[in-house]
Amino acid sequence: MTGLSGTVTGCRAYLNRRLARLGIAVVFECTVSGSLSGVAEIRAMAEEASRTLGDALGTKLAPLLSERELIGRSFDLYKFRLTFGVNELGELRLVVRKNVPLNVTGVLSATSLPALGREALERLAKGEAVTVGTNLGYREAARECEQGETPVGQVAIPKFVIYSAEGEIPRIPPESWSLALEWKGSRRTLTYQELLERSKDLGAMDFHCVTGWSVKGKRYTGVTLDELFRGMGDMSEAKWVFAESATGYSTVIPIEEAHRTLIVFGIDGQRLSPENGGPARLFNPSLYGWKGAKWLVKISLEKDYIDGFWEALSYHERGLVQRNERFKIRNPDVVDLC
């Protein structure tokens, strides 16, 4: 890596209708290079990304640093409020690890659309991405990290920390809950009782939250995702699993991880509580916990990638724990996150 300063080489933005229920309209990301030394250079990269994105969208965006968060003991997540005049339009996030920027990503709210240029709006409405410069795209970490009692960046704790990205914990009666499965125009709906009759003890597994804590050795009851999609046709063209919650939350998993992905109804012999995602949630012990959508109501298989909630806010497309894939890699010099 050369030079002391980083740069933004290109940005991409698109309309994400699946996040509309959470007030998100446009999702963007920027490819970066170089390194950053200190908050001044971090601010400068955020400003450069905002200018580049604003030029592409036909508006002016100003970033205001609002928070810095340490994730997994080695990732610095800088959050900026994006403004246009006196109006707040969205959020920009810049992830740095050991002075190296990984990505610049973020979202614009539905209220931001009137501030965008006509050409950009027309392209977004057609489902086209607005791009400028060089965009790197999906990248995976190059190798697994060394094994230990807990994965790199994690600390074991005795019980789950309860999160709700949507700001609510819904109470859904199991008798009124159902799960929809979709693939290439085929739809299948299963009730709680139907799925409960198929569920079994899946064994003891560890749960890893991307923020840096792990709960080890809990026993999960449920069914495998592969089992539920059997009989729904040829799936050779499917590349992604897209999961949606009753609240509007969503997440995405590569199809290669489908065989390890579980639909969970119970933990340690007890019915899954609403706080932990009941009546049912997704869980993959190889991936970070945000991939395990709570209050699960729909799973679709997709040919093309689309960001879920946290993926739109800089988190990795795959999220493999043993490769420390907490955040998207949009710097061509980053190959090893260990």
C-alpha atoms as a PDB file:
ATOM      1  CA  MET A   1       0.000   0.000   0.000  1.00  0.00           C
ATOM      2  CA  THR A   2       1.502   3.336  -0.982  1.00  0.00           C
ATOM      3  CA  GLY A   3       1.018   6.796   0.423  1.00  0.00           C
ATOM      4  CA  LEU A   4      -0.414   7.950   3.724  1.00  0.00           C
ATOM      5  CA  SER A   5      -3.814   9.026   2.466  1.00  0.00           C
ATOM      6  CA  GLY A   6      -6.702   6.976   1.181  1.00  0.00           C
ATOM      7  CA  THR A   7      -8.890   7.755  -1.768  1.00  0.00           C
ATOM      8  CA  VAL A   8     -12.323   6.894  -3.138  1.00  0.00           C
ATOM      9  CA  THR A   9     -12.116   5.285  -6.584  1.00  0.00           C
ATOM     10  CA  GLY A  10     -15.836   4.979  -7.325  1.00  0.00           C
ATOM     11  CA  CYS A  11     -19.361   4.735  -5.912  1.00  0.00           C
ATOM     12  CA  ARG A  12     -22.526   2.793  -6.720  1.00  0.00           C
ATOM     13  CA  ALA A  13     -26.118   3.472  -5.602  1.00  0.00           C
ATOM     14  CA  TYR A  14     -29.390   1.671  -6.226  1.00  0.00           C
ATOM     15  CA  LEU A  15     -33.015   1.672  -5.065  1.00  0.00           C
ATOM     16  CA  ASN A  16     -33.674  -1.074  -2.510  1.00  0.00           C
ATOM     17  CA  ARG A  17     -37.442  -1.570  -2.306  1.00  0.00           C
ATOM     18  CA  ARG A  18     -37.151  -4.451   0.153  1.00  0.00           C
ATOM     19  CA  LEU A  19     -35.959  -2.066   2.853  1.00  0.00           C
ATOM     20  CA  ALA A  20     -38.781   0.428   2.310  1.00  0.00           C
ATOM     21  CA  ARG A  21     -40.620  -0.611   5.478  1.00  0.00           C
ATOM     22  CA  LEU A  22     -37.637   0.571   7.502  1.00  0.00           C
ATOM     23  CA  GLY A  23     -37.563   3.949   5.761  1.00  0.00           C
ATOM     24  CA  ILE A  24     -34.584   3.129   3.516  1.00  0.00           C
ATOM     25  CA  ALA A  25     -34.818   3.987  -0.176  1.00  0.00           C
ATOM     26  CA  VAL A  26     -31.314   4.156  -1.654  1.00  0.00           C
ATOM     27  CA  VAL A  27     -28.351   1.954  -0.726  1.00  0.00           C
ATOM     28  CA  PHE A  28     -24.850   3.002  -1.764  1.00  0.00           C
ATOM     29  CA  GLU A  29     -21.258   1.827  -1.453  1.00  0.00           C
ATOM     30  CA  CYS A  30     -17.885   3.207  -2.489  1.00  0.00           C
ATOM     31  CA  THR A  31     -14.639   1.442  -3.335  1.00  0.00           C
ATOM     32  CA  VAL A  32     -11.581   2.786  -1.520  1.00  0.00           C
ATOM     33  CA  SER A  33      -7.820   2.415  -1.573  1.00  0.00           C
ATOM     34  CA  GLY A  34      -4.757   3.497   0.398  1.00  0.00           C
ATOM     35  CA  SER A  35      -4.554   4.014   4.141  1.00  0.00           C
ATOM     36  CA  LEU A  36      -5.781   6.532   6.691  1.00  0.00           C
ATOM     37  CA  SER A  37      -3.914   8.152   9.540  1.00  0.00           C
ATOM     38  CA  GLY A  38      -6.070   9.871  12.121  1.00  0.00           C
ATOM     39  CA  VAL A  39      -9.553  11.319  12.276  1.00  0.00           C
ATOM     40  CA  ALA A  40      -8.725  14.172   9.884  1.00  0.00           C
ATOM     41  CA  GLU A  41      -8.029  11.738   7.037  1.00  0.00           C
ATOM     42  CA  ILE A  42     -11.103   9.701   7.962  1.00  0.00           C
ATOM     43  CA  ARG A  43     -13.241  12.831   7.699  1.00  0.00           C
ATOM     44  CA  ALA A  44     -11.554  13.673   4.391  1.00  0.00           C
ATOM     45  CA  MET A  45     -12.443  10.254   2.922  1.00  0.00           C
ATOM     46  CA  ALA A  46     -16.059  10.614   4.077  1.00  0.00           C
ATOM     47  CA  GLU A  47     -16.211  14.045   2.420  1.00  0.00           C
ATOM     48  CA  GLU A  48     -14.691  12.689  -0.801  1.00  0.00           C
ATOM     49  CA  ALA A  49     -17.196   9.825  -0.881  1.00  0.00           C
ATOM     50  CA  SER A  50     -20.077  12.231  -0.237  1.00  0.00           C
ATOM     51  CA  ARG A  51     -18.980  14.502  -3.095  1.00  0.00           C
ATOM     52  CA  THR A  52     -18.541  11.566  -5.465  1.00  0.00           C
ATOM     53  CA  LEU A  53     -21.914  10.099  -4.545  1.00  0.00           C
ATOM     54  CA  GLY A  54     -23.611  13.506  -4.657  1.00  0.00           C
ATOM     55  CA  ASP A  55     -22.247  14.193  -8.138  1.00  0.00           C
ATOM     56  CA  ALA A  56     -23.590  10.837  -9.349  1.00  0.00           C
ATOM     57  CA  LEU A  57     -27.019  11.454  -7.806  1.00  0.00           C
ATOM     58  CA  GLY A  58     -27.303  15.098  -8.808  1.00  0.00           C
ATOM     59  CA  THR A  59     -27.263  16.552  -5.304  1.00  0.00           C
ATOM     60  CA  LYS A  60     -24.898  17.812  -2.607  1.00  0.00           C
ATOM     61  CA  LEU A  61     -24.247  15.702   0.469  1.00  0.00           C
ATOM     62  CA  ALA A  62     -22.358  16.819   3.566  1.00  0.00           C
ATOM     63  CA  PRO A  63     -21.137  14.248   6.156  1.00  0.00           C
ATOM     64  CA  LEU A  64     -21.194  15.054   9.883  1.00  0.00           C
ATOM     65  CA  LEU A  65     -19.344  12.599  12.147  1.00  0.00           C
ATOM     66  CA  SER A  66     -21.757  11.326  14.798  1.00  0.00           C
ATOM     67  CA  GLU A  67     -20.208   8.192  16.332  1.00  0.00           C
ATOM     68  CA  ARG A  68     -17.216   5.869  16.401  1.00  0.00           C
ATOM     69  CA  GLU A  69     -17.741   2.236  17.403  1.00  0.00           C
ATOM     70  CA  LEU A  70     -15.134  -0.494  17.968  1.00  0.00           C
ATOM     71  CA  ILE A  71     -16.345  -3.807  16.502  1.00  0.00           C
ATOM     72  CA  GLY A  72     -14.669  -7.147  17.112  1.00  0.00           C
ATOM     73  CA  ARG A  73     -11.679  -5.474  18.811  1.00  0.00           C
ATOM     74  CA  SER A  74     -10.010  -4.414  15.537  1.00  0.00           C
ATOM     75  CA  PHE A  75     -12.599  -2.729  13.298  1.00  0.00           C
ATOM     76  CA  ASP A  76     -13.352   0.982  13.732  1.00  0.00           C
ATOM     77  CA  LEU A  77     -16.797   1.906  12.431  1.00  0.00           C
ATOM     78  CA  TYR A  78     -17.258   5.637  11.830  1.00  0.00           C
ATOM     79  CA  LYS A  79     -20.838   6.835  11.358  1.00  0.00           C
ATOM     80  CA  PHE A  80     -21.696  10.100   9.607  1.00  0.00           C
ATOM     81  CA  ARG A  81     -25.048  11.831   9.231  1.00  0.00           C
ATOM     82  CA  LEU A  82     -25.569  12.833   5.594  1.00  0.00           C
ATOM     83  CA  THR A  83     -27.168  16.232   5.223  1.00  0.00           C
ATOM     84  CA  PHE A  84     -28.415  18.490   2.443  1.00  0.00           C
ATOM     85  CA  GLY A  85     -28.831  21.997   3.824  1.00  0.00           C
ATOM     86  CA  VAL A  86     -30.763  21.628   7.093  1.00  0.00           C
ATOM     87  CA  ASN A  87     -32.217  18.254   6.120  1.00  0.00           C
ATOM     88  CA  GLU A  88     -30.793  14.900   7.203  1.00  0.00           C
ATOM     89  CA  LEU A  89     -30.981  12.495   4.255  1.00  0.00           C
ATOM     90  CA  GLY A  90     -29.269   9.362   5.474  1.00  0.00           C
ATOM     91  CA  GLU A  91     -26.157   7.791   6.953  1.00  0.00           C
ATOM     92  CA  LEU A  92     -22.653   7.146   5.668  1.00  0.00           C
ATOM     93  CA  ARG A  93     -20.404   4.554   7.300  1.00  0.00           C
ATOM     94  CA  LEU A  94     -16.651   4.204   6.959  1.00  0.00           C
ATOM     95  CA  VAL A  95     -14.906   1.074   8.259  1.00  0.00           C
ATOM     96  CA  VAL A  96     -11.197   1.130   9.114  1.00  0.00           C
ATOM     97  CA  ARG A  97      -9.001  -1.730  10.317  1.00  0.00           C
ATOM     98  CA  LYS A  98      -5.411  -1.021  11.376  1.00  0.00           C
ATOM     99  CA  ASN A  99      -5.429   2.297   9.462  1.00  0.00           C
ATOM    100  CA  VAL A 100      -6.692   0.585   6.303  1.00  0.00           C
ATOM    101  CA  PRO A 101     -10.171   1.572   5.036  1.00  0.00           C
ATOM    102  CA  LEU A 102     -12.341  -1.414   4.115  1.00  0.00           C
ATOM    103  CA  ASN A 103     -15.326   0.382   2.613  1.00  0.00           C
ATOM    104  CA  VAL A 104     -17.610   3.379   2.581  1.00  0.00           C
ATOM    105  CA  THR A 105     -21.290   2.443   2.536  1.00  0.00           C
ATOM    106  CA  GLY A 106     -24.642   3.770   3.637  1.00  0.00           C
ATOM    107  CA  VAL A 107     -28.259   4.545   2.956  1.00  0.00           C
ATOM    108  CA  LEU A 108     -30.527   7.423   1.996  1.00  0.00           C
ATOM    109  CA  SER A 109     -34.053   7.685   3.350  1.00  0.00           C
ATOM    110  CA  ALA A 110     -37.238   7.913   1.324  1.00  0.00           C
ATOM    111  CA  THR A 111     -37.399  11.630   2.202  1.00  0.00           C
ATOM    112  CA  SER A 112     -34.094  12.136   0.361  1.00  0.00           C
ATOM    113  CA  LEU A 113     -35.546  11.355  -3.065  1.00  0.00           C
ATOM    114  CA  PRO A 114     -36.809  14.910  -3.831  1.00  0.00           C
ATOM    115  CA  ALA A 115     -33.237  16.167  -3.355  1.00  0.00           C
ATOM    116  CA  LEU A 116     -31.842  13.888  -6.085  1.00  0.00           C
ATOM    117  CA  GLY A 117     -31.412  14.889  -9.717  1.00  0.00           C
ATOM    118  CA  ARG A 118     -34.019  13.940 -12.307  1.00  0.00           C
ATOM    119  CA  GLU A 119     -31.703  11.693 -14.342  1.00  0.00           C
ATOM    120  CA  ALA A 120     -30.595   9.764 -11.272  1.00  0.00           C
ATOM    121  CA  LEU A 121     -34.186   9.336 -10.095  1.00  0.00           C
ATOM    122  CA  GLU A 122     -35.282   8.004 -13.477  1.00  0.00           C
ATOM    123  CA  ARG A 123     -32.478   5.459 -13.545  1.00  0.00           C
ATOM    124  CA  LEU A 124     -33.111   4.360  -9.964  1.00  0.00           C
ATOM    125  CA  ALA A 125     -36.829   3.985 -10.637  1.00  0.00           C
ATOM    126  CA  LYS A 126     -36.040   1.666 -13.563  1.00  0.00           C
ATOM    127  CA  GLY A 127     -34.046  -0.575 -11.252  1.00  0.00           C
ATOM    128  CA  GLU A 128     -30.713   0.578 -12.626  1.00  0.00           C
ATOM    129  CA  ALA A 129     -27.695   1.320 -10.448  1.00  0.00           C
ATOM    130  CA  VAL A 130     -26.138   4.771 -10.634  1.00  0.00           C
ATOM    131  CA  THR A 131     -22.381   4.289 -10.773  1.00  0.00           C
ATOM    132  CA  VAL A 132     -19.287   6.444 -11.078  1.00  0.00           C
ATOM    133  CA  GLY A 133     -15.620   5.468 -11.222  1.00  0.00           C
ATOM    134  CA  THR A 134     -14.286   2.001 -10.370  1.00  0.00           C
ATOM    135  CA  ASN A 135     -16.424  -0.307  -8.235  1.00  0.00           C
ATOM    136  CA  LEU A 136     -14.857  -3.419  -6.731  1.00  0.00           C
ATOM    137  CA  GLY A 137     -17.882  -5.577  -5.857  1.00  0.00           C
ATOM    138  CA  TYR A 138     -18.203  -8.668  -3.672  1.00  0.00           C
ATOM    139  CA  ARG A 139     -14.985 -10.027  -2.160  1.00  0.00           C
ATOM    140  CA  GLU A 140     -14.298 -12.757   0.372  1.00  0.00           C
ATOM    141  CA  ALA A 141     -11.442 -12.926   2.864  1.00  0.00           C
ATOM    142  CA  ALA A 142      -8.549 -15.052   1.627  1.00  0.00           C
ATOM    143  CA  ARG A 143      -8.057 -17.442   4.537  1.00  0.00           C
ATOM    144  CA  GLU A 144      -9.436 -18.709   7.806  1.00  0.00           C
ATOM    145  CA  CYS A 145      -8.004 -17.294  11.024  1.00  0.00           C
ATOM    146  CA  GLU A 146      -6.221 -19.394  13.641  1.00  0.00           C
ATOM    147  CA  GLN A 147      -8.562 -21.422  15.832  1.00  0.00           C
ATOM    148  CA  GLY A 148      -8.847 -20.726  19.548  1.00  0.00           C
ATOM    149  CA  GLU A 149     -11.351 -21.219  22.346  1.00  0.00           C
ATOM    150  CA  THR A 150     -13.347 -18.463  20.691  1.00  0.00           C
ATOM    151  CA  PRO A 151     -12.908 -17.034  17.176  1.00  0.00           C
ATOM    152  CA  VAL A 152     -10.697 -14.002  16.610  1.00  0.00           C
ATOM    153  CA  GLY A 153     -12.234 -10.832  18.010  1.00  0.00           C
ATOM    154  CA  GLN A 154     -14.767 -12.669  20.209  1.00  0.00           C
ATOM    155  CA  VAL A 155     -15.249 -12.963  23.978  1.00  0.00           C
ATOM    156  CA  ALA A 156     -17.472 -15.658  25.533  1.00  0.00           C
ATOM    157  CA  ILE A 157     -20.357 -14.465  27.740  1.00  0.00           C
ATOM    158  CA  PRO A 158     -22.998 -16.527  29.597  1.00  0.00           C
ATOM    159  CA  LYS A 159     -26.219 -15.310  27.936  1.00  0.00           C
ATOM    160  CA  PHE A 160     -27.505 -13.544  24.851  1.00  0.00           C
ATOM    161  CA  VAL A 161     -27.542  -9.770  24.539  1.00  0.00           C
ATOM    162  CA  ILE A 162     -30.942  -8.811  23.131  1.00  0.00           C
ATOM    163  CA  TYR A 163     -30.976  -6.607  20.036  1.00  0.00           C
ATOM    164  CA  SER A 164     -33.695  -5.330  17.747  1.00  0.00           C
ATOM    165  CA  ALA A 165     -32.451  -3.342  14.772  1.00  0.00           C
ATOM    166  CA  GLU A 166     -36.037  -2.309  14.077  1.00  0.00           C
ATOM    167  CA  GLY A 167     -36.560  -0.858  17.544  1.00  0.00           C
ATOM    168  CA  GLU A 168     -39.321  -3.291  18.528  1.00  0.00           C
ATOM    169  CA  ILE A 169     -39.821  -6.830  19.811  1.00  0.00           C
ATOM    170  CA  PRO A 170     -42.998  -8.217  18.254  1.00  0.00           C
ATOM    171  CA  ARG A 171     -45.134 -10.740  20.123  1.00  0.00           C
ATOM    172  CA  ILE A 172     -46.407 -13.134  17.458  1.00  0.00           C
ATOM    173  CA  PRO A 173     -48.750 -15.954  18.556  1.00  0.00           C
ATOM    174  CA  PRO A 174     -47.388 -19.228  17.128  1.00  0.00           C
ATOM    175  CA  GLU A 175     -50.870 -20.311  16.005  1.00  0.00           C
ATOM    176  CA  SER A 176     -51.116 -17.268  13.707  1.00  0.00           C
ATOM    177  CA  TRP A 177     -47.545 -17.516  12.385  1.00  0.00           C
ATOM    178  CA  SER A 178     -46.496 -19.097   9.087  1.00  0.00           C
ATOM    179  CA  LEU A 179     -43.381 -19.228   6.920  1.00  0.00           C
ATOM    180  CA  ALA A 180     -43.402 -18.553   3.168  1.00  0.00           C
ATOM    181  CA  LEU A 181     -40.801 -20.141   0.867  1.00  0.00           C
ATOM    182  CA  GLU A 182     -40.296 -18.743  -2.652  1.00  0.00           C
ATOM    183  CA  TRP A 183     -38.225 -19.744  -5.679  1.00  0.00           C
ATOM    184  CA  LYS A 184     -38.773 -18.929  -9.379  1.00  0.00           C
ATOM    185  CA  GLY A 185     -42.487 -18.222  -9.061  1.00  0.00           C
ATOM    186  CA  SER A 186     -43.162 -21.203  -6.807  1.00  0.00           C
ATOM    187  CA  ARG A 187     -44.500 -20.425  -3.328  1.00  0.00           C
ATOM    188  CA  ARG A 188     -44.995 -22.708  -0.372  1.00  0.00           C
ATOM    189  CA  THR A 189     -46.447 -21.774   3.030  1.00  0.00           C
ATOM    190  CA  LEU A 190     -45.934 -23.804   6.198  1.00  0.00           C
ATOM    191  CA  THR A 191     -47.613 -23.292   9.555  1.00  0.00           C
ATOM    192  CA  TYR A 192     -45.908 -23.330  12.942  1.00  0.00           C
ATOM    193  CA  GLN A 193     -47.428 -26.703  13.789  1.00  0.00           C
ATOM    194  CA  GLU A 194     -46.312 -28.247  10.484  1.00  0.00           C
ATOM    195  CA  LEU A 195     -42.744 -27.089  11.058  1.00  0.00           C
ATOM    196  CA  LEU A 196     -42.742 -28.007  14.723  1.00  0.00           C
ATOM    197  CA  GLU A 197     -43.666 -31.578  13.793  1.00  0.00           C
ATOM    198  CA  ARG A 198     -40.567 -31.746  11.569  1.00  0.00           C
ATOM    199  CA  SER A 199     -38.213 -30.150  14.085  1.00  0.00           C
ATOM    200  CA  LYS A 200     -35.519 -32.093  15.908  1.00  0.00           C
ATOM    201  CA  ASP A 201     -32.608 -31.591  18.264  1.00  0.00           C
ATOM    202  CA  LEU A 202     -29.922 -29.989  16.099  1.00  0.00           C
ATOM    203  CA  GLY A 203     -27.201 -30.321  18.735  1.00  0.00           C
ATOM    204  CA  ALA A 204     -25.038 -27.896  20.699  1.00  0.00           C
ATOM    205  CA  MET A 205     -23.606 -24.946  18.772  1.00  0.00           C
ATOM    206  CA  ASP A 206     -21.969 -21.580  19.418  1.00  0.00           C
ATOM    207  CA  PHE A 207     -23.539 -18.224  18.573  1.00  0.00           C
ATOM    208  CA  HIS A 208     -21.273 -15.331  17.570  1.00  0.00           C
ATOM    209  CA  CYS A 209     -22.403 -11.699  17.483  1.00  0.00           C
ATOM    210  CA  VAL A 210     -20.535  -9.410  15.096  1.00  0.00           C
ATOM    211  CA  THR A 211     -20.017  -6.846  17.870  1.00  0.00           C
ATOM    212  CA  GLY A 212     -17.629  -9.260  19.620  1.00  0.00           C
ATOM    213  CA  TRP A 213     -19.459 -11.583  22.052  1.00  0.00           C
ATOM    214  CA  SER A 214     -20.199 -15.295  21.813  1.00  0.00           C
ATOM    215  CA  VAL A 215     -22.597 -17.614  23.660  1.00  0.00           C
ATOM    216  CA  LYS A 216     -21.276 -21.156  23.565  1.00  0.00           C
ATOM    217  CA  GLY A 217     -22.835 -24.599  23.691  1.00  0.00           C
ATOM    218  CA  LYS A 218     -26.557 -23.878  23.530  1.00  0.00           C
ATOM    219  CA  ARG A 219     -28.721 -26.693  22.120  1.00  0.00           C
ATOM    220  CA  TYR A 220     -30.988 -25.719  19.253  1.00  0.00           C
ATOM    221  CA  THR A 221     -34.237 -27.300  18.071  1.00  0.00           C
ATOM    222  CA  GLY A 222     -35.484 -26.787  14.538  1.00  0.00           C
ATOM    223  CA  VAL A 223     -35.213 -27.828  10.889  1.00  0.00           C
ATOM    224  CA  THR A 224     -32.616 -27.377   8.169  1.00  0.00           C
ATOM    225  CA  LEU A 225     -33.230 -24.956   5.327  1.00  0.00           C
ATOM    226  CA  ASP A 226     -32.246 -27.561   2.729  1.00  0.00           C
ATOM    227  CA  GLU A 227     -34.983 -29.851   3.973  1.00  0.00           C
ATOM    228  CA  LEU A 228     -37.700 -27.232   3.525  1.00  0.00           C
ATOM    229  CA  PHE A 229     -36.777 -26.344  -0.064  1.00  0.00           C
ATOM    230  CA  ARG A 230     -36.729 -29.928  -1.310  1.00  0.00           C
ATOM    231  CA  GLY A 231     -39.343 -30.493  -3.961  1.00  0.00           C
ATOM    232  CA  MET A 232     -39.449 -26.868  -5.136  1.00  0.00           C
ATOM    233  CA  GLY A 233     -37.671 -27.476  -8.432  1.00  0.00           C
ATOM    234  CA  ASP A 234     -34.161 -27.215  -9.810  1.00  0.00           C
ATOM    235  CA  MET A 235     -32.153 -24.854  -7.612  1.00  0.00           C
ATOM    236  CA  SER A 236     -28.917 -24.864  -9.596  1.00  0.00           C
ATOM    237  CA  GLU A 237     -29.435 -21.206 -10.588  1.00  0.00           C
ATOM    238  CA  ALA A 238     -30.003 -19.992  -7.014  1.00  0.00           C
ATOM    239  CA  LYS A 239     -27.080 -17.960  -5.667  1.00  0.00           C
ATOM    240  CA  TRP A 240     -28.454 -16.285  -2.532  1.00  0.00           C
ATOM    241  CA  VAL A 241     -30.865 -16.940   0.333  1.00  0.00           C
ATOM    242  CA  PHE A 242     -32.867 -13.829   1.255  1.00  0.00           C
ATOM    243  CA  ALA A 243     -34.630 -13.902   4.635  1.00  0.00           C
ATOM    244  CA  GLU A 244     -37.272 -11.435   5.827  1.00  0.00           C
ATOM    245  CA  SER A 245     -38.744 -10.709   9.264  1.00  0.00           C
ATOM    246  CA  ALA A 246     -42.244  -9.678  10.286  1.00  0.00           C
ATOM    247  CA  THR A 247     -40.785  -6.272  11.190  1.00  0.00           C
ATOM    248  CA  GLY A 248     -39.258  -5.489   7.772  1.00  0.00           C
ATOM    249  CA  TYR A 249     -35.741  -6.590   8.698  1.00  0.00           C
ATOM    250  CA  SER A 250     -33.907  -8.706   6.125  1.00  0.00           C
ATOM    251  CA  THR A 251     -30.575 -10.395   5.560  1.00  0.00           C
ATOM    252  CA  VAL A 252     -28.843 -12.354   2.805  1.00  0.00           C
ATOM    253  CA  ILE A 253     -26.740 -15.543   2.831  1.00  0.00           C
ATOM    254  CA  PRO A 254     -24.747 -17.174   0.005  1.00  0.00           C
ATOM    255  CA  ILE A 255     -26.382 -20.369  -1.264  1.00  0.00           C
ATOM    256  CA  GLU A 256     -23.186 -22.245  -0.364  1.00  0.00           C
ATOM    257  CA  GLU A 257     -24.096 -21.707   3.300  1.00  0.00           C
ATOM    258  CA  ALA A 258     -27.678 -22.983   2.921  1.00  0.00           C
ATOM    259  CA  HIS A 259     -26.801 -26.511   4.061  1.00  0.00           C
ATOM    260  CA  ARG A 260     -25.627 -25.118   7.430  1.00  0.00           C
ATOM    261  CA  THR A 261     -28.540 -22.727   7.821  1.00  0.00           C
ATOM    262  CA  LEU A 262     -31.241 -23.665  10.324  1.00  0.00           C
ATOM    263  CA  ILE A 263     -34.728 -22.486  11.209  1.00  0.00           C
ATOM    264  CA  VAL A 264     -34.811 -22.534  15.003  1.00  0.00           C
ATOM    265  CA  PHE A 265     -37.890 -22.938  17.227  1.00  0.00           C
ATOM    266  CA  GLY A 266     -36.245 -23.659  20.588  1.00  0.00           C
ATOM    267  CA  ILE A 267     -33.091 -23.295  22.680  1.00  0.00           C
ATOM    268  CA  ASP A 268     -32.076 -25.671  25.491  1.00  0.00           C
ATOM    269  CA  GLY A 269     -35.442 -27.420  25.436  1.00  0.00           C
ATOM    270  CA  GLN A 270     -37.456 -24.218  25.753  1.00  0.00           C
ATOM    271  CA  ARG A 271     -39.644 -22.587  23.125  1.00  0.00           C
ATOM    272  CA  LEU A 272     -37.858 -19.678  21.422  1.00  0.00           C
ATOM    273  CA  SER A 273     -38.774 -16.474  23.268  1.00  0.00           C
ATOM    274  CA  PRO A 274     -39.903 -13.318  21.440  1.00  0.00           C
ATOM    275  CA  GLU A 275     -36.698 -11.586  22.578  1.00  0.00           C
ATOM    276  CA  ASN A 276     -34.629 -14.273  20.843  1.00  0.00           C
ATOM    277  CA  GLY A 277     -36.764 -14.170  17.688  1.00  0.00           C
ATOM    278  CA  GLY A 278     -39.706 -16.450  18.412  1.00  0.00           C
ATOM    279  CA  PRO A 279     -41.771 -18.071  17.027  1.00  0.00           C
ATOM    280  CA  ALA A 280     -38.858 -18.811  14.644  1.00  0.00           C
ATOM    281  CA  ARG A 281     -35.528 -17.381  13.564  1.00  0.00           C
ATOM    282  CA  LEU A 282     -32.760 -18.223  11.132  1.00  0.00           C
ATOM    283  CA  PHE A 283     -29.411 -19.429  12.492  1.00  0.00           C
ATOM    284  CA  ASN A 284     -26.125 -20.480  10.930  1.00  0.00           C
ATOM    285  CA  PRO A 285     -23.360 -21.271  13.461  1.00  0.00           C
ATOM    286  CA  SER A 286     -20.667 -20.486  10.876  1.00  0.00           C
ATOM    287  CA  LEU A 287     -21.938 -16.943  10.299  1.00  0.00           C
ATOM    288  CA  TYR A 288     -22.274 -13.898  12.527  1.00  0.00           C
ATOM    289  CA  GLY A 289     -25.567 -13.468  14.340  1.00  0.00           C
ATOM    290  CA  TRP A 290     -27.032 -10.672  12.207  1.00  0.00           C
ATOM    291  CA  LYS A 291     -27.524 -13.283   9.473  1.00  0.00           C
ATOM    292  CA  GLY A 292     -30.007 -15.057  11.770  1.00  0.00           C
ATOM    293  CA  ALA A 293     -33.123 -13.017  11.032  1.00  0.00           C
ATOM    294  CA  LYS A 294     -35.514 -12.990  14.006  1.00  0.00           C
ATOM    295  CA  TRP A 295     -39.319 -13.217  13.729  1.00  0.00           C
ATOM    296  CA  LEU A 296     -38.803 -14.966  10.405  1.00  0.00           C
ATOM    297  CA  VAL A 297     -41.760 -14.951   7.982  1.00  0.00           C
ATOM    298  CA  LYS A 298     -40.291 -15.394   4.491  1.00  0.00           C
ATOM    299  CA  ILE A 299     -37.311 -17.000   2.759  1.00  0.00           C
ATOM    300  CA  SER A 300     -36.698 -16.628  -0.959  1.00  0.00           C
ATOM    301  CA  LEU A 301     -33.941 -17.977  -3.165  1.00  0.00           C
ATOM    302  CA  GLU A 302     -32.447 -15.412  -5.533  1.00  0.00           C
ATOM    303  CA  LYS A 303     -30.253 -15.386  -8.629  1.00  0.00           C
ATOM    304  CA  ASP A 304     -28.914 -11.887  -7.955  1.00  0.00           C
ATOM    305  CA  TYR A 305     -27.559 -10.270  -4.820  1.00  0.00           C
ATOM    306  CA  ILE A 306     -29.466  -7.578  -2.936  1.00  0.00           C
ATOM    307  CA  ASP A 307     -28.498  -6.037   0.405  1.00  0.00           C
ATOM    308  CA  GLY A 308     -30.415  -6.817   3.551  1.00  0.00           C
ATOM    309  CA  PHE A 309     -30.605  -4.330   6.428  1.00  0.00           C
ATOM    310  CA  TRP A 310     -27.120  -4.626   7.925  1.00  0.00           C
ATOM    311  CA  GLU A 311     -25.504  -5.449   4.585  1.00  0.00           C
ATOM    312  CA  ALA A 312     -26.762  -2.057   3.409  1.00  0.00           C
ATOM    313  CA  LEU A 313     -24.968  -0.550   6.409  1.00  0.00           C
ATOM    314  CA  SER A 314     -21.501  -1.930   5.591  1.00  0.00           C
ATOM    315  CA  TYR A 315     -21.675  -5.513   6.921  1.00  0.00           C
ATOM    316  CA  HIS A 316     -20.274  -8.368   4.836  1.00  0.00           C
ATOM    317  CA  GLU A 317     -22.290 -10.280   2.252  1.00  0.00           C
ATOM    318  CA  ARG A 318     -21.226 -13.684   3.630  1.00  0.00           C
ATOM    319  CA  GLY A 319     -20.129 -12.975   7.229  1.00  0.00           C
ATOM    320  CA  LEU A 320     -18.044 -16.105   7.872  1.00  0.00           C
ATOM    321  CA  VAL A 321     -16.856 -16.104  11.503  1.00  0.00           C
ATOM    322  CA  GLN A 322     -13.632 -18.036  10.932  1.00  0.00           C
ATOM    323  CA  ARG A 323     -12.520 -15.485   8.341  1.00  0.00           C
ATOM    324  CA  ASN A 324     -13.477 -12.462  10.469  1.00  0.00           C
ATOM    325  CA  GLU A 325     -15.809 -11.247   7.697  1.00  0.00           C
ATOM    326  CA  ARG A 326     -17.613  -8.578   9.663  1.00  0.00           C
ATOM    327  CA  PHE A 327     -17.596  -5.858   6.997  1.00  0.00           C
ATOM    328  CA  LYS A 328     -17.671  -5.617   3.221  1.00  0.00           C
ATOM    329  CA  ILE A 329     -14.288  -5.547   1.527  1.00  0.00           C
ATOM    330  CA  ARG A 330     -14.128  -2.706  -0.976  1.00  0.00           C
ATOM    331  CA  ASN A 331     -10.382  -2.112  -0.907  1.00  0.00           C
ATOM    332  CA  PRO A 332      -8.430  -4.198  -3.477  1.00  0.00           C
ATOM    333  CA  ASP A 333      -5.427  -4.405  -1.142  1.00  0.00           C
ATOM    334  CA  VAL A 334      -7.396  -6.123   1.631  1.00  0.00           C
ATOM    335  CA  VAL A 335      -7.353  -9.914   1.377  1.00  0.00           C
ATOM    336  CA  ASP A 336      -6.688 -11.097   4.943  1.00  0.00           C
ATOM    337  CA  LEU A 337      -8.835 -10.022   7.922  1.00  0.00           C
ATOM    338  CA  CYS A 338      -7.056 -12.184  10.525  1.00  0.00           C
END
